[in-house]
Protein backbone atom coordinates (compact mmCIF):
# COMPACT_ATOMS: atom_id res chain seq x y z
CA MET A 1 113.14 67.63 123.06
CA THR A 2 111.60 69.34 119.94
CA PRO A 3 114.85 70.35 116.91
CA ILE A 4 114.34 73.63 116.81
CA SER A 5 113.15 73.91 113.13
CA GLU A 6 110.59 72.85 113.54
CA GLU A 7 108.85 74.56 117.42
CA ILE A 8 110.18 78.19 114.80
CA ALA A 9 107.65 76.21 111.05
CA GLY A 10 105.35 75.91 114.95
CA ALA A 11 105.18 79.48 116.25
CA PHE A 12 105.48 81.05 112.19
CA VAL A 13 102.81 78.64 111.60
CA ASN A 14 100.57 80.00 114.75
CA SER A 15 101.75 83.94 113.84
CA GLN A 16 100.27 83.17 110.78
CA ASN A 17 96.91 81.78 112.11
CA ASP A 18 96.92 84.06 114.56
CA MET A 19 96.80 87.23 112.09
CA ALA A 20 94.25 84.72 109.55
CA SER A 21 91.99 85.68 113.08
CA HIS A 22 93.23 88.88 113.30
CA TYR A 23 91.79 89.07 109.77
CA ASP A 24 88.37 87.60 109.07
CA ALA A 25 87.22 89.04 112.68
CA GLY A 26 86.16 91.79 109.80
CA GLN A 27 88.04 94.01 110.11
CA GLN A 28 88.63 95.80 106.44
CA GLY A 29 91.12 98.29 106.05
CA PHE A 30 94.19 99.61 108.08
CA THR A 31 93.46 100.52 111.68
CA THR A 32 95.63 103.18 114.23
CA GLU A 33 98.63 100.57 114.09
CA ASP A 34 99.19 100.37 111.17
CA ILE A 35 99.23 103.81 110.06
CA LEU A 36 101.23 104.30 113.11
CA TRP A 37 103.90 101.39 112.05
CA ALA A 38 104.16 101.99 109.20
CA VAL A 39 104.96 106.13 109.75
CA GLY A 40 107.32 104.80 111.93
CA ILE A 41 109.10 102.68 109.78
CA TRP A 42 108.52 104.93 107.30
CA SER A 43 110.75 108.48 109.40
CA VAL A 44 113.41 106.28 110.49
CA ILE A 45 114.09 104.78 106.43
CA LEU A 46 113.65 108.42 105.44
CA THR A 47 116.31 110.83 108.45
CA LEU A 48 118.90 107.33 108.10
CA SER A 49 118.81 107.21 103.75
CA PRO A 50 121.40 110.63 103.84
CA VAL A 51 122.97 109.45 106.41
CA ILE A 52 123.84 106.84 104.47
CA VAL A 53 125.13 108.30 100.94
CA PHE A 54 126.78 111.19 102.92
CA TYR A 55 128.32 107.89 103.99
CA MET A 56 129.23 105.89 101.27
CA LEU A 57 130.08 108.92 99.25
CA LEU A 58 133.08 109.92 102.24
CA VAL A 59 133.97 106.08 101.90
CA ALA A 60 133.60 106.15 97.61
């Protein structure tokens, strides 16, 4: 049985190879999926930041 660290390392290398082949296919710039992902992450960050600040002010 393979140690878990080797399995994780193998999965990491495989995901990096997938990313490399994804970008080596002559693809330039951002895809729609990249933009949607970034907008989603930023919307979560910007939505939660006032809540976190308010909570910190209440707790402090």
